[in-house]
Amino acid sequence: MNTWIGGALAVAALFSGGFLYGWKGVILALTVVVFWLLLQFVKLMRIMRMASEAPVGHLDSAVMLNAKLQPGMKLIDLLPLTRSLGRKLSDAPETYGWIDPGGIQVEVVMNAGKVQSWQMVRPSTFSDAETEANTETMTRPIDTA
């Protein structure tokens, strides 16, 4: 939720609580706002704990991350997808990288805490002949004789 909208809703709750129920309404509205903030804090701490338990810059599948990324996605939405903190690749533009066990890396460019762009970088150790041979053996029909 946008910060301005959340702040406006909190102020509206305080004023409407005060207008409708007096000081008891203000206390109730304040309690609801503090509860909402505590829920957001717990969500953030759970995500950070999960990310801290994994090695920095590693993830299970770079292809799945590449498929799920969207422009404008916030960092708080990106961390549950990767389950780890990204390895910082550069400062300008702010770029983070995650690599999977197969050597495929996803480089995400962030701007103001939001995903601006990303690219998937495959390892250059595989030759085109090896890739074609692997593809051919995977798609070849199985002999039943």
N, C-alpha and C. Protein backbone atom coordinates (compact mmCIF):
# COMPACT_ATOMS: atom_id res chain seq x y z
N MET A 1 0.84 -1.16 0.00
CA MET A 1 0.00 0.00 0.00
C MET A 1 0.89 1.24 0.00
N ASN A 2 0.46 2.26 -0.70
CA ASN A 2 1.18 3.51 -0.75
C ASN A 2 1.24 4.14 0.64
N THR A 3 2.35 4.75 0.97
CA THR A 3 2.54 5.35 2.29
C THR A 3 1.55 6.49 2.53
N TRP A 4 1.31 7.27 1.50
CA TRP A 4 0.37 8.40 1.65
C TRP A 4 -1.05 7.91 1.89
N ILE A 5 -1.44 6.86 1.21
CA ILE A 5 -2.80 6.33 1.39
C ILE A 5 -2.94 5.74 2.78
N GLY A 6 -1.93 4.99 3.24
CA GLY A 6 -1.97 4.42 4.59
C GLY A 6 -2.04 5.49 5.66
N GLY A 7 -1.25 6.56 5.51
CA GLY A 7 -1.30 7.66 6.47
C GLY A 7 -2.64 8.37 6.46
N ALA A 8 -3.19 8.58 5.26
CA ALA A 8 -4.50 9.23 5.15
C ALA A 8 -5.60 8.38 5.79
N LEU A 9 -5.53 7.06 5.61
CA LEU A 9 -6.51 6.18 6.24
C LEU A 9 -6.40 6.20 7.77
N ALA A 10 -5.16 6.25 8.28
CA ALA A 10 -4.97 6.31 9.73
C ALA A 10 -5.53 7.60 10.30
N VAL A 11 -5.27 8.72 9.64
CA VAL A 11 -5.79 10.01 10.12
C VAL A 11 -7.31 10.03 10.02
N ALA A 12 -7.86 9.48 8.92
CA ALA A 12 -9.32 9.43 8.77
C ALA A 12 -9.95 8.58 9.87
N ALA A 13 -9.30 7.46 10.23
CA ALA A 13 -9.82 6.61 11.29
C ALA A 13 -9.81 7.36 12.63
N LEU A 14 -8.75 8.11 12.89
CA LEU A 14 -8.67 8.87 14.15
C LEU A 14 -9.77 9.94 14.21
N PHE A 15 -9.94 10.68 13.12
CA PHE A 15 -10.96 11.73 13.13
C PHE A 15 -12.38 11.17 13.19
N SER A 16 -12.63 10.11 12.41
CA SER A 16 -13.99 9.55 12.43
C SER A 16 -14.28 8.89 13.78
N GLY A 17 -13.27 8.25 14.38
CA GLY A 17 -13.47 7.68 15.72
C GLY A 17 -13.75 8.75 16.75
N GLY A 18 -13.03 9.87 16.66
CA GLY A 18 -13.27 10.98 17.59
C GLY A 18 -14.62 11.64 17.37
N PHE A 19 -15.01 11.76 16.10
CA PHE A 19 -16.28 12.40 15.79
C PHE A 19 -17.46 11.53 16.21
N LEU A 20 -17.36 10.22 15.98
CA LEU A 20 -18.49 9.34 16.27
C LEU A 20 -18.56 8.91 17.74
N TYR A 21 -17.41 8.61 18.35
CA TYR A 21 -17.44 8.04 19.70
C TYR A 21 -16.63 8.82 20.73
N GLY A 22 -16.11 9.97 20.34
CA GLY A 22 -15.36 10.77 21.30
C GLY A 22 -13.97 10.20 21.55
N TRP A 23 -13.47 10.39 22.77
CA TRP A 23 -12.11 9.95 23.08
C TRP A 23 -11.97 8.43 23.04
N LYS A 24 -13.08 7.70 23.30
CA LYS A 24 -13.03 6.24 23.21
C LYS A 24 -12.83 5.80 21.76
N GLY A 25 -13.41 6.49 20.83
CA GLY A 25 -13.23 6.19 19.41
C GLY A 25 -11.81 6.47 18.95
N VAL A 26 -11.21 7.55 19.48
CA VAL A 26 -9.83 7.87 19.13
C VAL A 26 -8.90 6.78 19.65
N ILE A 27 -9.14 6.31 20.87
CA ILE A 27 -8.32 5.24 21.45
C ILE A 27 -8.46 3.96 20.63
N LEU A 28 -9.70 3.63 20.23
CA LEU A 28 -9.93 2.45 19.40
C LEU A 28 -9.21 2.57 18.06
N ALA A 29 -9.33 3.71 17.41
CA ALA A 29 -8.68 3.92 16.11
C ALA A 29 -7.16 3.85 16.26
N LEU A 30 -6.63 4.43 17.31
CA LEU A 30 -5.19 4.38 17.56
C LEU A 30 -4.73 2.94 17.80
N THR A 31 -5.53 2.17 18.51
CA THR A 31 -5.21 0.77 18.75
C THR A 31 -5.18 -0.02 17.44
N VAL A 32 -6.13 0.24 16.56
CA VAL A 32 -6.18 -0.46 15.27
C VAL A 32 -4.97 -0.08 14.41
N VAL A 33 -4.60 1.20 14.41
CA VAL A 33 -3.45 1.65 13.63
C VAL A 33 -2.16 1.02 14.16
N VAL A 34 -1.98 0.99 15.46
CA VAL A 34 -0.78 0.38 16.04
C VAL A 34 -0.76 -1.12 15.76
N PHE A 35 -1.90 -1.78 15.81
CA PHE A 35 -1.96 -3.21 15.50
C PHE A 35 -1.56 -3.46 14.05
N TRP A 36 -2.03 -2.62 13.13
CA TRP A 36 -1.67 -2.75 11.72
C TRP A 36 -0.16 -2.57 11.52
N LEU A 37 0.41 -1.60 12.21
CA LEU A 37 1.86 -1.38 12.11
C LEU A 37 2.65 -2.56 12.68
N LEU A 38 2.16 -3.16 13.76
CA LEU A 38 2.81 -4.33 14.33
C LEU A 38 2.75 -5.52 13.37
N LEU A 39 1.62 -5.69 12.68
CA LEU A 39 1.51 -6.76 11.70
C LEU A 39 2.52 -6.57 10.57
N GLN A 40 2.69 -5.33 10.10
CA GLN A 40 3.66 -5.05 9.05
C GLN A 40 5.08 -5.32 9.53
N PHE A 41 5.37 -4.96 10.78
CA PHE A 41 6.70 -5.18 11.34
C PHE A 41 7.00 -6.67 11.46
N VAL A 42 6.03 -7.45 11.91
CA VAL A 42 6.21 -8.90 12.05
C VAL A 42 6.44 -9.53 10.68
N LYS A 43 5.71 -9.08 9.66
CA LYS A 43 5.89 -9.59 8.31
C LYS A 43 7.31 -9.31 7.82
N LEU A 44 7.80 -8.11 8.05
CA LEU A 44 9.15 -7.74 7.64
C LEU A 44 10.20 -8.57 8.37
N MET A 45 10.02 -8.77 9.66
CA MET A 45 10.99 -9.56 10.43
C MET A 45 11.00 -11.03 9.99
N ARG A 46 9.84 -11.57 9.65
CA ARG A 46 9.76 -12.95 9.18
C ARG A 46 10.50 -13.11 7.85
N ILE A 47 10.31 -12.15 6.95
CA ILE A 47 10.99 -12.19 5.65
C ILE A 47 12.50 -12.05 5.83
N MET A 48 12.93 -11.15 6.70
CA MET A 48 14.36 -10.95 6.91
C MET A 48 15.00 -12.16 7.59
N ARG A 49 14.28 -12.81 8.50
CA ARG A 49 14.81 -14.02 9.15
C ARG A 49 14.98 -15.14 8.13
N MET A 50 13.98 -15.29 7.26
CA MET A 50 14.05 -16.32 6.23
C MET A 50 15.22 -16.04 5.27
N ALA A 51 15.42 -14.78 4.91
CA ALA A 51 16.49 -14.42 4.00
C ALA A 51 17.86 -14.57 4.65
N SER A 52 17.93 -14.37 5.96
CA SER A 52 19.23 -14.46 6.64
C SER A 52 19.69 -15.90 6.82
N GLU A 53 18.80 -16.86 6.71
CA GLU A 53 19.16 -18.26 6.90
C GLU A 53 19.76 -18.89 5.64
N ALA A 54 19.67 -18.20 4.51
CA ALA A 54 20.20 -18.74 3.25
C ALA A 54 21.51 -18.03 2.89
N PRO A 55 22.34 -18.67 2.09
CA PRO A 55 23.57 -18.00 1.65
C PRO A 55 23.24 -16.78 0.78
N VAL A 56 24.04 -15.74 0.91
CA VAL A 56 23.79 -14.50 0.17
C VAL A 56 23.99 -14.75 -1.33
N GLY A 57 23.00 -14.35 -2.10
CA GLY A 57 23.11 -14.41 -3.55
C GLY A 57 22.79 -15.75 -4.18
N HIS A 58 22.25 -16.70 -3.43
CA HIS A 58 21.90 -18.01 -3.98
C HIS A 58 20.39 -18.21 -3.93
N LEU A 59 19.86 -18.95 -4.91
CA LEU A 59 18.45 -19.30 -4.93
C LEU A 59 18.29 -20.65 -5.59
N ASP A 60 17.10 -21.21 -5.49
CA ASP A 60 16.85 -22.55 -6.01
C ASP A 60 16.78 -22.58 -7.53
N SER A 61 16.04 -21.64 -8.14
CA SER A 61 15.85 -21.67 -9.59
C SER A 61 15.81 -20.25 -10.14
N ALA A 62 16.81 -19.91 -10.94
CA ALA A 62 16.86 -18.58 -11.55
C ALA A 62 15.77 -18.42 -12.60
N VAL A 63 15.41 -19.50 -13.26
CA VAL A 63 14.38 -19.43 -14.29
C VAL A 63 13.03 -19.09 -13.67
N MET A 64 12.71 -19.69 -12.52
CA MET A 64 11.45 -19.38 -11.84
C MET A 64 11.43 -17.94 -11.35
N LEU A 65 12.55 -17.45 -10.83
CA LEU A 65 12.62 -16.05 -10.40
C LEU A 65 12.42 -15.13 -11.59
N ASN A 66 13.07 -15.45 -12.71
CA ASN A 66 12.94 -14.63 -13.91
C ASN A 66 11.48 -14.57 -14.38
N ALA A 67 10.76 -15.67 -14.25
CA ALA A 67 9.36 -15.71 -14.68
C ALA A 67 8.45 -14.92 -13.75
N LYS A 68 8.81 -14.83 -12.46
CA LYS A 68 7.93 -14.18 -11.49
C LYS A 68 8.23 -12.70 -11.28
N LEU A 69 9.36 -12.21 -11.78
CA LEU A 69 9.70 -10.80 -11.59
C LEU A 69 8.79 -9.90 -12.42
N GLN A 70 8.49 -8.74 -11.85
CA GLN A 70 7.67 -7.74 -12.53
C GLN A 70 8.27 -6.38 -12.28
N PRO A 71 8.22 -5.47 -13.26
CA PRO A 71 8.73 -4.12 -13.02
C PRO A 71 7.90 -3.42 -11.95
N GLY A 72 8.57 -2.68 -11.06
CA GLY A 72 7.88 -1.98 -10.00
C GLY A 72 7.70 -2.79 -8.73
N MET A 73 8.12 -4.06 -8.75
CA MET A 73 8.01 -4.92 -7.58
C MET A 73 8.93 -4.38 -6.48
N LYS A 74 8.43 -4.31 -5.26
CA LYS A 74 9.23 -3.81 -4.14
C LYS A 74 10.18 -4.90 -3.64
N LEU A 75 11.23 -4.45 -2.95
CA LEU A 75 12.21 -5.37 -2.41
C LEU A 75 11.56 -6.34 -1.42
N ILE A 76 10.58 -5.86 -0.66
CA ILE A 76 9.90 -6.71 0.32
C ILE A 76 9.10 -7.82 -0.37
N ASP A 77 8.73 -7.63 -1.65
CA ASP A 77 8.05 -8.67 -2.42
C ASP A 77 9.04 -9.58 -3.13
N LEU A 78 10.25 -9.08 -3.37
CA LEU A 78 11.27 -9.85 -4.06
C LEU A 78 11.96 -10.86 -3.14
N LEU A 79 12.17 -10.49 -1.90
CA LEU A 79 12.89 -11.38 -0.97
C LEU A 79 12.19 -12.72 -0.73
N PRO A 80 10.86 -12.79 -0.59
CA PRO A 80 10.26 -14.13 -0.44
C PRO A 80 10.41 -15.01 -1.68
N LEU A 81 10.55 -14.41 -2.86
CA LEU A 81 10.76 -15.20 -4.07
C LEU A 81 12.15 -15.81 -4.11
N THR A 82 13.14 -15.05 -3.64
CA THR A 82 14.53 -15.52 -3.70
C THR A 82 14.92 -16.30 -2.45
N ARG A 83 14.29 -16.02 -1.34
CA ARG A 83 14.59 -16.63 -0.04
C ARG A 83 16.02 -16.35 0.42
N SER A 84 16.64 -15.31 -0.14
CA SER A 84 17.97 -14.89 0.31
C SER A 84 18.19 -13.44 -0.11
N LEU A 85 19.16 -12.82 0.54
CA LEU A 85 19.54 -11.47 0.16
C LEU A 85 20.42 -11.55 -1.08
N GLY A 86 20.29 -10.56 -1.95
CA GLY A 86 21.07 -10.55 -3.18
C GLY A 86 22.49 -10.08 -2.95
N ARG A 87 23.40 -10.55 -3.79
CA ARG A 87 24.78 -10.11 -3.75
C ARG A 87 24.88 -8.83 -4.56
N LYS A 88 25.42 -7.76 -3.97
CA LYS A 88 25.48 -6.47 -4.65
C LYS A 88 26.53 -6.52 -5.75
N LEU A 89 26.10 -6.21 -6.98
CA LEU A 89 27.00 -6.26 -8.12
C LEU A 89 27.54 -4.89 -8.48
N SER A 90 26.73 -3.84 -8.32
CA SER A 90 27.21 -2.48 -8.60
C SER A 90 26.37 -1.47 -7.83
N ASP A 91 26.94 -0.28 -7.68
CA ASP A 91 26.25 0.79 -6.96
C ASP A 91 25.42 1.68 -7.88
N ALA A 92 25.92 1.97 -9.06
CA ALA A 92 25.20 2.85 -9.97
C ALA A 92 25.08 2.19 -11.32
N PRO A 93 23.97 1.71 -11.75
CA PRO A 93 22.71 1.59 -11.03
C PRO A 93 22.79 0.47 -9.98
N GLU A 94 21.95 0.58 -9.00
CA GLU A 94 21.94 -0.39 -7.88
C GLU A 94 21.51 -1.76 -8.41
N THR A 95 22.47 -2.68 -8.48
CA THR A 95 22.23 -3.98 -9.10
C THR A 95 22.58 -5.10 -8.12
N TYR A 96 21.67 -6.07 -8.01
CA TYR A 96 21.86 -7.22 -7.16
C TYR A 96 21.78 -8.48 -8.00
N GLY A 97 22.46 -9.53 -7.57
CA GLY A 97 22.47 -10.77 -8.33
C GLY A 97 22.20 -11.98 -7.47
N TRP A 98 21.51 -12.95 -8.05
CA TRP A 98 21.25 -14.24 -7.43
C TRP A 98 21.66 -15.30 -8.44
N ILE A 99 22.27 -16.37 -7.96
CA ILE A 99 22.73 -17.44 -8.85
C ILE A 99 22.17 -18.77 -8.34
N ASP A 100 21.80 -19.64 -9.28
CA ASP A 100 21.27 -20.94 -8.88
C ASP A 100 22.36 -22.01 -9.00
N PRO A 101 22.09 -23.24 -8.57
CA PRO A 101 23.12 -24.29 -8.61
C PRO A 101 23.63 -24.60 -10.01
N GLY A 102 22.84 -24.33 -11.04
CA GLY A 102 23.27 -24.58 -12.41
C GLY A 102 24.15 -23.48 -12.98
N GLY A 103 24.38 -22.41 -12.23
CA GLY A 103 25.23 -21.33 -12.68
C GLY A 103 24.49 -20.21 -13.39
N ILE A 104 23.18 -20.30 -13.50
CA ILE A 104 22.40 -19.23 -14.14
C ILE A 104 22.20 -18.12 -13.12
N GLN A 105 22.47 -16.89 -13.54
CA GLN A 105 22.38 -15.74 -12.63
C GLN A 105 21.30 -14.79 -13.10
N VAL A 106 20.55 -14.24 -12.14
CA VAL A 106 19.58 -13.20 -12.42
C VAL A 106 20.12 -11.92 -11.81
N GLU A 107 20.27 -10.88 -12.64
CA GLU A 107 20.74 -9.58 -12.19
C GLU A 107 19.56 -8.63 -12.20
N VAL A 108 19.25 -8.07 -11.03
CA VAL A 108 18.10 -7.19 -10.87
C VAL A 108 18.58 -5.78 -10.60
N VAL A 109 18.10 -4.83 -11.41
CA VAL A 109 18.43 -3.42 -11.23
C VAL A 109 17.30 -2.78 -10.44
N MET A 110 17.66 -2.19 -9.30
CA MET A 110 16.68 -1.57 -8.41
C MET A 110 16.80 -0.04 -8.52
N ASN A 111 15.67 0.64 -8.40
CA ASN A 111 15.64 2.09 -8.37
C ASN A 111 14.65 2.50 -7.30
N ALA A 112 15.13 3.14 -6.24
CA ALA A 112 14.29 3.59 -5.12
C ALA A 112 13.58 2.41 -4.46
N GLY A 113 14.25 1.26 -4.35
CA GLY A 113 13.69 0.11 -3.68
C GLY A 113 12.70 -0.69 -4.50
N LYS A 114 12.62 -0.39 -5.80
CA LYS A 114 11.70 -1.12 -6.69
C LYS A 114 12.47 -1.69 -7.87
N VAL A 115 11.99 -2.81 -8.38
CA VAL A 115 12.62 -3.44 -9.53
C VAL A 115 12.41 -2.58 -10.76
N GLN A 116 13.52 -2.20 -11.38
CA GLN A 116 13.43 -1.41 -12.60
C GLN A 116 13.55 -2.32 -13.82
N SER A 117 14.58 -3.18 -13.80
CA SER A 117 14.77 -4.13 -14.90
C SER A 117 15.57 -5.32 -14.37
N TRP A 118 15.65 -6.36 -15.17
CA TRP A 118 16.42 -7.54 -14.78
C TRP A 118 16.84 -8.27 -16.04
N GLN A 119 17.86 -9.10 -15.88
CA GLN A 119 18.29 -9.96 -16.97
C GLN A 119 18.80 -11.28 -16.41
N MET A 120 18.64 -12.31 -17.21
CA MET A 120 19.10 -13.62 -16.81
C MET A 120 20.37 -13.91 -17.61
N VAL A 121 21.45 -14.24 -16.90
CA VAL A 121 22.74 -14.48 -17.53
C VAL A 121 23.06 -15.96 -17.38
N ARG A 122 23.18 -16.63 -18.52
CA ARG A 122 23.52 -18.05 -18.51
C ARG A 122 25.05 -18.20 -18.53
N PRO A 123 25.58 -19.27 -17.95
CA PRO A 123 27.03 -19.44 -17.94
C PRO A 123 27.57 -19.66 -19.35
N SER A 124 28.75 -19.15 -19.63
CA SER A 124 29.33 -19.27 -20.96
C SER A 124 30.21 -20.51 -21.09
N THR A 125 30.21 -21.36 -20.08
CA THR A 125 31.06 -22.55 -20.12
C THR A 125 30.49 -23.63 -21.03
N PHE A 126 29.19 -23.59 -21.30
CA PHE A 126 28.59 -24.58 -22.18
C PHE A 126 28.76 -24.12 -23.63
N SER A 127 29.20 -25.03 -24.48
CA SER A 127 29.30 -24.68 -25.90
C SER A 127 27.95 -24.94 -26.55
N ASP A 128 27.78 -24.37 -27.73
CA ASP A 128 26.52 -24.58 -28.45
C ASP A 128 26.35 -26.03 -28.86
N ALA A 129 27.45 -26.72 -29.17
CA ALA A 129 27.36 -28.14 -29.56
C ALA A 129 26.88 -28.99 -28.39
N GLU A 130 27.38 -28.71 -27.17
CA GLU A 130 26.93 -29.46 -26.00
C GLU A 130 25.46 -29.23 -25.73
N THR A 131 25.02 -27.98 -25.87
CA THR A 131 23.62 -27.66 -25.63
C THR A 131 22.73 -28.38 -26.64
N GLU A 132 23.13 -28.39 -27.92
CA GLU A 132 22.34 -29.08 -28.93
C GLU A 132 22.32 -30.59 -28.69
N ALA A 133 23.46 -31.15 -28.27
CA ALA A 133 23.52 -32.59 -27.99
C ALA A 133 22.63 -32.95 -26.82
N ASN A 134 22.64 -32.12 -25.76
CA ASN A 134 21.79 -32.39 -24.60
C ASN A 134 20.33 -32.27 -24.97
N THR A 135 19.98 -31.30 -25.80
CA THR A 135 18.60 -31.12 -26.23
C THR A 135 18.15 -32.30 -27.08
N GLU A 136 19.05 -32.79 -27.92
CA GLU A 136 18.71 -33.91 -28.79
C GLU A 136 18.45 -35.17 -27.98
N THR A 137 19.27 -35.45 -26.97
CA THR A 137 19.06 -36.66 -26.18
C THR A 137 17.82 -36.55 -25.32
N MET A 138 17.45 -35.34 -24.94
CA MET A 138 16.25 -35.19 -24.10
C MET A 138 14.99 -35.33 -24.93
N THR A 139 15.04 -35.00 -26.24
CA THR A 139 13.83 -35.03 -27.05
C THR A 139 13.74 -36.28 -27.92
N ARG A 140 14.79 -37.12 -27.92
CA ARG A 140 14.80 -38.32 -28.74
C ARG A 140 13.82 -39.34 -28.16
N PRO A 141 13.01 -39.99 -28.99
CA PRO A 141 12.07 -40.99 -28.49
C PRO A 141 12.79 -42.20 -27.92
N ILE A 142 12.18 -42.81 -26.94
CA ILE A 142 12.77 -43.98 -26.26
C ILE A 142 12.45 -45.22 -27.08
N ASP A 143 13.48 -46.04 -27.30
CA ASP A 143 13.28 -47.29 -28.02
C ASP A 143 12.62 -48.30 -27.09
N THR A 144 11.58 -48.97 -27.56
CA THR A 144 10.86 -49.95 -26.74
C THR A 144 11.31 -51.36 -27.01
N ALA A 145 12.25 -51.55 -27.96
CA ALA A 145 12.67 -52.91 -28.31
C ALA A 145 13.62 -53.51 -27.33
